[in-house]
Amino acid sequence: MTTSGLEAVFLAHRAALQRFLRARGAGDLAEDLLQELWIRASAGASGPIAEPLAYLYRTANNLMIDRRRSGLRSAARDQEWSDSTGGAMAGISDAPSGERVLIAREALAAAEAALAALGERTEYAFRRFRIEGASQKQIADELGISLSAVEKHLQKAYRTLIDLRRQWDAD
């Protein structure tokens, strides 16, 4: 299959166009932007183009300008959202207060103690499933129990943690 016109120029200068995009700040997205460049350039060309290489570079430049503007609008929108929802203020730390850290540590210790009181298998099943991301089937194989037994261990742990949470909320 032979190529002609704009496509031939694009293919002949593809590497140079990719370098141009990288130099303009595209970084790792240069390949994706190159594809978008071709889509824009081929869709925008309704007839013969006098200077196809210049047309491709202009389109690549416009693509980078559009990306930059989009990024600025996104950052401004995010900042507006943070400002309107009471996000961090200049000069004020987002870090939790010492009191909140202490409360969180106490809550964690209580949750760990509650899980430990349920027994080794229940605690193991809960940690493997919720914290380490192991599947229930994997846990069943590791413990040498049925899938149903793993589900029961997890339900037991969930019930205990829900009850603990209710106690905290009541206090």
N, C-alpha and C. Protein backbone atom coordinates (compact mmCIF):
# COMPACT_ATOMS: atom_id res chain seq x y z
N MET A 1 0.84 -1.17 0.00
CA MET A 1 0.00 0.00 0.00
C MET A 1 0.89 1.24 0.00
N THR A 2 0.69 2.12 -0.92
CA THR A 2 1.49 3.34 -1.00
C THR A 2 0.74 4.49 -0.36
N THR A 3 1.49 5.41 0.18
CA THR A 3 0.90 6.58 0.80
C THR A 3 1.24 7.80 -0.02
N SER A 4 0.39 8.79 0.06
CA SER A 4 0.65 10.00 -0.70
C SER A 4 0.19 11.20 0.10
N GLY A 5 0.61 12.38 -0.31
CA GLY A 5 0.16 13.61 0.28
C GLY A 5 0.56 13.77 1.73
N LEU A 6 -0.41 14.21 2.53
CA LEU A 6 -0.17 14.51 3.93
C LEU A 6 0.30 13.28 4.71
N GLU A 7 -0.28 12.12 4.42
CA GLU A 7 0.10 10.90 5.12
C GLU A 7 1.56 10.55 4.86
N ALA A 8 2.00 10.71 3.62
CA ALA A 8 3.40 10.41 3.29
C ALA A 8 4.34 11.34 4.03
N VAL A 9 4.00 12.62 4.12
CA VAL A 9 4.84 13.59 4.83
C VAL A 9 4.85 13.26 6.33
N PHE A 10 3.67 12.92 6.86
CA PHE A 10 3.58 12.55 8.28
C PHE A 10 4.47 11.35 8.58
N LEU A 11 4.37 10.30 7.78
CA LEU A 11 5.17 9.10 8.02
C LEU A 11 6.66 9.36 7.85
N ALA A 12 7.01 10.18 6.88
CA ALA A 12 8.43 10.49 6.64
C ALA A 12 9.03 11.30 7.79
N HIS A 13 8.25 12.12 8.43
CA HIS A 13 8.75 13.01 9.48
C HIS A 13 8.21 12.64 10.88
N ARG A 14 7.74 11.44 11.01
CA ARG A 14 7.13 10.98 12.27
C ARG A 14 8.09 11.12 13.45
N ALA A 15 9.32 10.67 13.30
CA ALA A 15 10.29 10.73 14.39
C ALA A 15 10.60 12.18 14.77
N ALA A 16 10.74 13.04 13.78
CA ALA A 16 11.02 14.46 14.05
C ALA A 16 9.83 15.12 14.75
N LEU A 17 8.62 14.76 14.33
CA LEU A 17 7.43 15.30 14.99
C LEU A 17 7.34 14.83 16.44
N GLN A 18 7.71 13.59 16.67
CA GLN A 18 7.70 13.06 18.04
C GLN A 18 8.73 13.80 18.90
N ARG A 19 9.92 14.05 18.35
CA ARG A 19 10.94 14.82 19.09
C ARG A 19 10.44 16.23 19.38
N PHE A 20 9.75 16.83 18.41
CA PHE A 20 9.18 18.16 18.58
C PHE A 20 8.20 18.17 19.76
N LEU A 21 7.33 17.17 19.81
CA LEU A 21 6.35 17.09 20.90
C LEU A 21 7.04 16.89 22.25
N ARG A 22 8.06 16.04 22.27
CA ARG A 22 8.81 15.83 23.52
C ARG A 22 9.50 17.12 23.96
N ALA A 23 10.08 17.85 23.02
CA ALA A 23 10.76 19.10 23.33
C ALA A 23 9.79 20.15 23.85
N ARG A 24 8.53 20.06 23.45
CA ARG A 24 7.51 21.02 23.89
C ARG A 24 6.87 20.61 25.21
N GLY A 25 7.37 19.48 25.81
CA GLY A 25 6.88 19.10 27.13
C GLY A 25 5.95 17.91 27.17
N ALA A 26 5.82 17.16 26.07
CA ALA A 26 4.91 16.02 26.05
C ALA A 26 5.45 14.85 26.86
N GLY A 27 6.76 14.72 26.95
CA GLY A 27 7.36 13.63 27.72
C GLY A 27 6.91 12.27 27.24
N ASP A 28 6.46 11.44 28.17
CA ASP A 28 6.05 10.07 27.85
C ASP A 28 4.76 10.02 27.04
N LEU A 29 4.03 11.12 26.98
CA LEU A 29 2.77 11.15 26.22
C LEU A 29 2.99 11.46 24.75
N ALA A 30 4.24 11.61 24.33
CA ALA A 30 4.52 12.01 22.95
C ALA A 30 3.92 11.05 21.93
N GLU A 31 3.99 9.76 22.19
CA GLU A 31 3.45 8.78 21.24
C GLU A 31 1.92 8.93 21.12
N ASP A 32 1.25 9.10 22.25
CA ASP A 32 -0.19 9.29 22.23
C ASP A 32 -0.56 10.59 21.53
N LEU A 33 0.22 11.63 21.79
CA LEU A 33 -0.05 12.91 21.15
C LEU A 33 0.22 12.86 19.66
N LEU A 34 1.18 12.05 19.26
CA LEU A 34 1.47 11.88 17.84
C LEU A 34 0.27 11.28 17.12
N GLN A 35 -0.38 10.31 17.75
CA GLN A 35 -1.59 9.73 17.17
C GLN A 35 -2.71 10.76 17.10
N GLU A 36 -2.85 11.53 18.17
CA GLU A 36 -3.86 12.58 18.17
C GLU A 36 -3.55 13.63 17.10
N LEU A 37 -2.27 13.91 16.92
CA LEU A 37 -1.84 14.84 15.88
C LEU A 37 -2.32 14.36 14.52
N TRP A 38 -2.11 13.08 14.23
CA TRP A 38 -2.52 12.56 12.93
C TRP A 38 -4.03 12.63 12.76
N ILE A 39 -4.76 12.32 13.81
CA ILE A 39 -6.23 12.38 13.72
C ILE A 39 -6.69 13.81 13.44
N ARG A 40 -6.12 14.77 14.15
CA ARG A 40 -6.49 16.17 13.93
C ARG A 40 -6.09 16.65 12.54
N ALA A 41 -4.85 16.33 12.18
CA ALA A 41 -4.35 16.83 10.90
C ALA A 41 -5.11 16.23 9.73
N SER A 42 -5.38 14.96 9.76
CA SER A 42 -6.09 14.33 8.64
C SER A 42 -7.55 14.75 8.61
N ALA A 43 -8.15 15.00 9.76
CA ALA A 43 -9.55 15.43 9.79
C ALA A 43 -9.68 16.88 9.35
N GLY A 44 -8.67 17.68 9.66
CA GLY A 44 -8.74 19.11 9.33
C GLY A 44 -8.40 19.41 7.88
N ALA A 45 -7.73 18.50 7.21
CA ALA A 45 -7.32 18.73 5.83
C ALA A 45 -8.47 18.38 4.89
N SER A 46 -9.05 19.42 4.27
CA SER A 46 -10.18 19.18 3.36
C SER A 46 -9.74 19.19 1.90
N GLY A 47 -8.53 19.55 1.66
CA GLY A 47 -8.03 19.57 0.30
C GLY A 47 -6.52 19.54 0.31
N PRO A 48 -5.89 19.82 -0.83
CA PRO A 48 -4.43 19.81 -0.88
C PRO A 48 -3.85 20.91 0.02
N ILE A 49 -2.73 20.60 0.63
CA ILE A 49 -2.06 21.54 1.53
C ILE A 49 -0.75 21.94 0.88
N ALA A 50 -0.55 23.26 0.79
CA ALA A 50 0.64 23.78 0.11
C ALA A 50 1.92 23.38 0.83
N GLU A 51 1.96 23.49 2.13
CA GLU A 51 3.15 23.17 2.93
C GLU A 51 2.76 22.12 3.97
N PRO A 52 2.73 20.85 3.61
CA PRO A 52 2.24 19.83 4.54
C PRO A 52 3.09 19.68 5.80
N LEU A 53 4.39 19.82 5.71
CA LEU A 53 5.23 19.69 6.90
C LEU A 53 4.97 20.84 7.87
N ALA A 54 4.87 22.05 7.36
CA ALA A 54 4.56 23.21 8.20
C ALA A 54 3.18 23.05 8.84
N TYR A 55 2.24 22.51 8.07
CA TYR A 55 0.89 22.25 8.57
C TYR A 55 0.93 21.27 9.74
N LEU A 56 1.72 20.21 9.62
CA LEU A 56 1.83 19.22 10.69
C LEU A 56 2.48 19.81 11.95
N TYR A 57 3.54 20.62 11.76
CA TYR A 57 4.17 21.24 12.91
C TYR A 57 3.23 22.25 13.59
N ARG A 58 2.48 23.00 12.81
CA ARG A 58 1.52 23.96 13.37
C ARG A 58 0.44 23.22 14.16
N THR A 59 -0.03 22.10 13.60
CA THR A 59 -1.05 21.30 14.28
C THR A 59 -0.48 20.72 15.58
N ALA A 60 0.77 20.26 15.56
CA ALA A 60 1.42 19.73 16.76
C ALA A 60 1.56 20.83 17.81
N ASN A 61 1.94 22.03 17.38
CA ASN A 61 2.07 23.15 18.31
C ASN A 61 0.71 23.50 18.92
N ASN A 62 -0.34 23.54 18.09
CA ASN A 62 -1.68 23.83 18.59
C ASN A 62 -2.15 22.75 19.57
N LEU A 63 -1.78 21.52 19.30
CA LEU A 63 -2.13 20.42 20.19
C LEU A 63 -1.49 20.62 21.56
N MET A 64 -0.24 21.01 21.59
CA MET A 64 0.45 21.26 22.85
C MET A 64 -0.15 22.47 23.58
N ILE A 65 -0.53 23.50 22.84
CA ILE A 65 -1.16 24.67 23.45
C ILE A 65 -2.50 24.26 24.07
N ASP A 66 -3.27 23.44 23.35
CA ASP A 66 -4.55 22.96 23.88
C ASP A 66 -4.35 22.14 25.15
N ARG A 67 -3.32 21.29 25.15
CA ARG A 67 -3.03 20.47 26.35
C ARG A 67 -2.66 21.36 27.52
N ARG A 68 -1.85 22.37 27.26
CA ARG A 68 -1.42 23.29 28.33
C ARG A 68 -2.62 24.04 28.89
N ARG A 69 -3.47 24.57 28.01
CA ARG A 69 -4.66 25.30 28.46
C ARG A 69 -5.58 24.39 29.27
N SER A 70 -5.74 23.17 28.80
CA SER A 70 -6.58 22.21 29.51
C SER A 70 -6.03 21.94 30.90
N GLY A 71 -4.72 21.77 31.01
CA GLY A 71 -4.09 21.56 32.30
C GLY A 71 -4.27 22.74 33.24
N LEU A 72 -4.15 23.96 32.70
CA LEU A 72 -4.34 25.16 33.52
C LEU A 72 -5.78 25.28 34.00
N ARG A 73 -6.74 24.99 33.10
CA ARG A 73 -8.15 25.04 33.49
C ARG A 73 -8.44 24.00 34.56
N SER A 74 -7.87 22.82 34.40
CA SER A 74 -8.07 21.75 35.39
C SER A 74 -7.50 22.15 36.75
N ALA A 75 -6.31 22.73 36.75
CA ALA A 75 -5.69 23.15 38.00
C ALA A 75 -6.51 24.26 38.65
N ALA A 76 -7.01 25.21 37.85
CA ALA A 76 -7.83 26.29 38.39
C ALA A 76 -9.14 25.75 38.96
N ARG A 77 -9.74 24.80 38.26
CA ARG A 77 -10.98 24.18 38.73
C ARG A 77 -10.74 23.43 40.04
N ASP A 78 -9.64 22.71 40.13
CA ASP A 78 -9.30 21.99 41.36
C ASP A 78 -9.06 22.96 42.51
N GLN A 79 -8.38 24.06 42.23
CA GLN A 79 -8.12 25.06 43.27
C GLN A 79 -9.41 25.71 43.74
N GLU A 80 -10.30 26.03 42.79
CA GLU A 80 -11.60 26.59 43.16
C GLU A 80 -12.37 25.63 44.04
N TRP A 81 -12.33 24.35 43.68
CA TRP A 81 -13.04 23.34 44.46
C TRP A 81 -12.47 23.27 45.88
N SER A 82 -11.16 23.24 45.98
CA SER A 82 -10.52 23.19 47.30
C SER A 82 -10.87 24.42 48.13
N ASP A 83 -10.86 25.57 47.49
CA ASP A 83 -11.18 26.81 48.20
C ASP A 83 -12.63 26.82 48.67
N SER A 84 -13.53 26.34 47.83
CA SER A 84 -14.96 26.40 48.17
C SER A 84 -15.36 25.34 49.18
N THR A 85 -14.59 24.26 49.29
CA THR A 85 -14.93 23.20 50.24
C THR A 85 -14.11 23.28 51.50
N GLY A 86 -13.42 24.38 51.69
CA GLY A 86 -12.65 24.56 52.92
C GLY A 86 -11.36 23.77 52.93
N GLY A 87 -10.73 23.66 51.79
CA GLY A 87 -9.47 22.94 51.69
C GLY A 87 -8.37 23.66 52.46
N ALA A 88 -7.18 23.21 52.29
CA ALA A 88 -6.04 23.77 53.03
C ALA A 88 -5.88 25.25 52.73
N MET A 89 -5.53 25.97 53.76
CA MET A 89 -5.28 27.40 53.60
C MET A 89 -3.77 27.62 53.60
N ALA A 90 -3.37 28.67 52.94
CA ALA A 90 -1.94 28.98 52.86
C ALA A 90 -1.38 29.18 54.27
N GLY A 91 -0.27 28.54 54.54
CA GLY A 91 0.39 28.67 55.83
C GLY A 91 -0.17 27.79 56.93
N ILE A 92 -1.21 27.00 56.62
CA ILE A 92 -1.80 26.11 57.62
C ILE A 92 -1.59 24.68 57.15
N SER A 93 -1.09 23.86 58.03
CA SER A 93 -0.78 22.48 57.69
C SER A 93 -2.03 21.64 57.53
N ASP A 94 -2.00 20.69 56.58
CA ASP A 94 -3.08 19.71 56.41
C ASP A 94 -2.92 18.54 57.37
N ALA A 95 -1.79 18.47 58.07
CA ALA A 95 -1.52 17.35 58.96
C ALA A 95 -2.51 17.38 60.12
N PRO A 96 -2.96 16.21 60.54
CA PRO A 96 -3.90 16.17 61.66
C PRO A 96 -3.23 16.63 62.95
N SER A 97 -4.07 17.10 63.86
CA SER A 97 -3.53 17.57 65.13
C SER A 97 -3.01 16.39 65.94
N GLY A 98 -2.21 16.69 66.94
CA GLY A 98 -1.67 15.64 67.80
C GLY A 98 -2.78 14.85 68.47
N GLU A 99 -3.85 15.55 68.84
CA GLU A 99 -4.98 14.89 69.49
C GLU A 99 -5.64 13.88 68.55
N ARG A 100 -5.82 14.26 67.30
CA ARG A 100 -6.43 13.34 66.32
C ARG A 100 -5.54 12.13 66.07
N VAL A 101 -4.24 12.36 66.03
CA VAL A 101 -3.30 11.26 65.84
C VAL A 101 -3.40 10.28 67.00
N LEU A 102 -3.47 10.81 68.21
CA LEU A 102 -3.58 9.96 69.40
C LEU A 102 -4.88 9.17 69.39
N ILE A 103 -5.97 9.82 69.06
CA ILE A 103 -7.28 9.14 68.98
C ILE A 103 -7.24 8.03 67.93
N ALA A 104 -6.65 8.32 66.79
CA ALA A 104 -6.56 7.31 65.72
C ALA A 104 -5.71 6.12 66.16
N ARG A 105 -4.62 6.38 66.85
CA ARG A 105 -3.77 5.28 67.34
C ARG A 105 -4.52 4.42 68.35
N GLU A 106 -5.28 5.07 69.23
CA GLU A 106 -6.07 4.32 70.21
C GLU A 106 -7.13 3.47 69.52
N ALA A 107 -7.77 4.03 68.50
CA ALA A 107 -8.79 3.29 67.75
C ALA A 107 -8.17 2.09 67.04
N LEU A 108 -7.00 2.28 66.46
CA LEU A 108 -6.31 1.19 65.79
C LEU A 108 -5.94 0.09 66.78
N ALA A 109 -5.44 0.47 67.93
CA ALA A 109 -5.07 -0.52 68.95
C ALA A 109 -6.30 -1.30 69.41
N ALA A 110 -7.43 -0.60 69.56
CA ALA A 110 -8.66 -1.28 69.97
C ALA A 110 -9.14 -2.25 68.88
N ALA A 111 -9.04 -1.84 67.62
CA ALA A 111 -9.44 -2.72 66.52
C ALA A 111 -8.54 -3.94 66.44
N GLU A 112 -7.24 -3.73 66.60
CA GLU A 112 -6.31 -4.86 66.57
C GLU A 112 -6.57 -5.83 67.73
N ALA A 113 -6.86 -5.29 68.91
CA ALA A 113 -7.15 -6.14 70.07
C ALA A 113 -8.45 -6.92 69.84
N ALA A 114 -9.46 -6.26 69.26
CA ALA A 114 -10.73 -6.93 69.00
C ALA A 114 -10.54 -8.06 67.99
N LEU A 115 -9.74 -7.82 66.96
CA LEU A 115 -9.48 -8.87 65.96
C LEU A 115 -8.68 -10.02 66.59
N ALA A 116 -7.71 -9.69 67.41
CA ALA A 116 -6.90 -10.74 68.05
C ALA A 116 -7.75 -11.60 68.98
N ALA A 117 -8.75 -11.00 69.62
CA ALA A 117 -9.62 -11.75 70.53
C ALA A 117 -10.51 -12.74 69.79
N LEU A 118 -10.67 -12.57 68.48
CA LEU A 118 -11.53 -13.46 67.68
C LEU A 118 -10.84 -14.78 67.37
N GLY A 119 -9.56 -14.84 67.54
CA GLY A 119 -8.82 -16.06 67.24
C GLY A 119 -7.87 -15.84 66.08
N GLU A 120 -6.88 -16.70 66.04
CA GLU A 120 -5.80 -16.57 65.06
C GLU A 120 -6.30 -16.70 63.62
N ARG A 121 -7.18 -17.66 63.35
CA ARG A 121 -7.65 -17.88 61.97
C ARG A 121 -8.49 -16.70 61.48
N THR A 122 -9.36 -16.19 62.32
CA THR A 122 -10.20 -15.07 61.92
C THR A 122 -9.34 -13.84 61.65
N GLU A 123 -8.42 -13.58 62.54
CA GLU A 123 -7.53 -12.43 62.36
C GLU A 123 -6.69 -12.59 61.09
N TYR A 124 -6.16 -13.78 60.86
CA TYR A 124 -5.35 -14.05 59.68
C TYR A 124 -6.17 -13.86 58.41
N ALA A 125 -7.39 -14.43 58.39
CA ALA A 125 -8.25 -14.32 57.21
C ALA A 125 -8.58 -12.85 56.91
N PHE A 126 -8.90 -12.10 57.95
CA PHE A 126 -9.24 -10.69 57.78
C PHE A 126 -8.04 -9.91 57.23
N ARG A 127 -6.88 -10.09 57.84
CA ARG A 127 -5.69 -9.35 57.39
C ARG A 127 -5.31 -9.71 55.95
N ARG A 128 -5.34 -11.00 55.65
CA ARG A 128 -4.98 -11.43 54.29
C ARG A 128 -5.95 -10.87 53.25
N PHE A 129 -7.24 -10.86 53.58
CA PHE A 129 -8.26 -10.44 52.63
C PHE A 129 -8.33 -8.91 52.51
N ARG A 130 -8.46 -8.22 53.63
CA ARG A 130 -8.69 -6.78 53.60
C ARG A 130 -7.42 -5.94 53.47
N ILE A 131 -6.33 -6.40 54.03
CA ILE A 131 -5.12 -5.59 54.02
C ILE A 131 -4.17 -6.01 52.91
N GLU A 132 -3.95 -7.31 52.75
CA GLU A 132 -3.00 -7.79 51.75
C GLU A 132 -3.64 -8.06 50.40
N GLY A 133 -4.98 -8.12 50.34
CA GLY A 133 -5.66 -8.27 49.06
C GLY A 133 -5.71 -9.70 48.53
N ALA A 134 -5.49 -10.68 49.37
CA ALA A 134 -5.56 -12.08 48.92
C ALA A 134 -7.01 -12.46 48.68
N SER A 135 -7.22 -13.38 47.76
CA SER A 135 -8.59 -13.83 47.49
C SER A 135 -9.04 -14.79 48.58
N GLN A 136 -10.35 -14.93 48.71
CA GLN A 136 -10.88 -15.84 49.71
C GLN A 136 -10.46 -17.27 49.39
N LYS A 137 -10.38 -17.62 48.13
CA LYS A 137 -9.95 -18.95 47.71
C LYS A 137 -8.51 -19.21 48.16
N GLN A 138 -7.65 -18.21 47.98
CA GLN A 138 -6.25 -18.33 48.42
C GLN A 138 -6.17 -18.57 49.92
N ILE A 139 -6.94 -17.80 50.66
CA ILE A 139 -6.93 -17.92 52.12
C ILE A 139 -7.42 -19.31 52.53
N ALA A 140 -8.48 -19.79 51.87
CA ALA A 140 -9.00 -21.12 52.18
C ALA A 140 -7.92 -22.18 51.94
N ASP A 141 -7.19 -22.06 50.84
CA ASP A 141 -6.11 -23.02 50.54
C ASP A 141 -4.99 -22.93 51.59
N GLU A 142 -4.62 -21.69 51.99
CA GLU A 142 -3.55 -21.52 52.95
C GLU A 142 -3.91 -22.09 54.32
N LEU A 143 -5.17 -21.92 54.72
CA LEU A 143 -5.60 -22.40 56.03
C LEU A 143 -6.09 -23.85 56.01
N GLY A 144 -6.30 -24.37 54.80
CA GLY A 144 -6.80 -25.74 54.67
C GLY A 144 -8.24 -25.87 55.12
N ILE A 145 -9.04 -24.82 54.83
CA ILE A 145 -10.46 -24.83 55.19
C ILE A 145 -11.29 -24.53 53.95
N SER A 146 -12.60 -24.65 54.08
CA SER A 146 -13.48 -24.40 52.94
C SER A 146 -13.65 -22.90 52.71
N LEU A 147 -14.11 -22.55 51.52
CA LEU A 147 -14.38 -21.17 51.17
C LEU A 147 -15.47 -20.61 52.08
N SER A 148 -16.45 -21.42 52.39
CA SER A 148 -17.53 -21.02 53.29
C SER A 148 -16.99 -20.68 54.68
N ALA A 149 -16.02 -21.43 55.15
CA ALA A 149 -15.43 -21.16 56.46
C ALA A 149 -14.69 -19.82 56.45
N VAL A 150 -14.01 -19.52 55.35
CA VAL A 150 -13.32 -18.23 55.23
C VAL A 150 -14.35 -17.10 55.29
N GLU A 151 -15.46 -17.27 54.57
CA GLU A 151 -16.51 -16.25 54.58
C GLU A 151 -17.06 -16.05 56.00
N LYS A 152 -17.22 -17.11 56.74
CA LYS A 152 -17.71 -17.00 58.12
C LYS A 152 -16.71 -16.28 59.01
N HIS A 153 -15.43 -16.56 58.83
CA HIS A 153 -14.40 -15.85 59.60
C HIS A 153 -14.45 -14.35 59.29
N LEU A 154 -14.60 -14.01 58.02
CA LEU A 154 -14.65 -12.61 57.63
C LEU A 154 -15.90 -11.93 58.19
N GLN A 155 -17.04 -12.62 58.14
CA GLN A 155 -18.27 -12.05 58.70
C GLN A 155 -18.12 -11.79 60.19
N LYS A 156 -17.49 -12.70 60.86
CA LYS A 156 -17.25 -12.56 62.31
C LYS A 156 -16.40 -11.31 62.58
N ALA A 157 -15.36 -11.13 61.79
CA ALA A 157 -14.48 -9.97 61.95
C ALA A 157 -15.24 -8.68 61.64
N TYR A 158 -16.03 -8.69 60.56
CA TYR A 158 -16.79 -7.49 60.20
C TYR A 158 -17.79 -7.12 61.30
N ARG A 159 -18.50 -8.10 61.82
CA ARG A 159 -19.46 -7.84 62.89
C ARG A 159 -18.78 -7.23 64.11
N THR A 160 -17.65 -7.77 64.46
CA THR A 160 -16.91 -7.25 65.62
C THR A 160 -16.47 -5.81 65.39
N LEU A 161 -15.95 -5.52 64.20
CA LEU A 161 -15.49 -4.15 63.92
C LEU A 161 -16.67 -3.18 63.83
N ILE A 162 -17.79 -3.64 63.31
CA ILE A 162 -18.98 -2.78 63.26
C ILE A 162 -19.46 -2.46 64.67
N ASP A 163 -19.48 -3.47 65.54
CA ASP A 163 -19.88 -3.25 66.93
C ASP A 163 -18.92 -2.28 67.62
N LEU A 164 -17.64 -2.44 67.37
CA LEU A 164 -16.64 -1.55 67.95
C LEU A 164 -16.86 -0.12 67.47
N ARG A 165 -17.16 0.04 66.20
CA ARG A 165 -17.42 1.36 65.63
C ARG A 165 -18.65 2.01 66.27
N ARG A 166 -19.67 1.21 66.49
CA ARG A 166 -20.89 1.72 67.14
C ARG A 166 -20.57 2.19 68.56
N GLN A 167 -19.70 1.47 69.25
CA GLN A 167 -19.32 1.88 70.60
C GLN A 167 -18.60 3.24 70.57
N TRP A 168 -17.69 3.40 69.58
CA TRP A 168 -16.97 4.66 69.47
C TRP A 168 -17.92 5.81 69.16
N ASP A 169 -18.87 5.55 68.25
CA ASP A 169 -19.81 6.59 67.87
C ASP A 169 -20.72 6.97 69.03
N ALA A 170 -21.03 6.01 69.89
CA ALA A 170 -21.89 6.28 71.04
C ALA A 170 -21.16 7.12 72.09
N ASP A 171 -19.85 6.96 72.16
CA ASP A 171 -19.05 7.71 73.15
C ASP A 171 -18.91 9.11 72.70
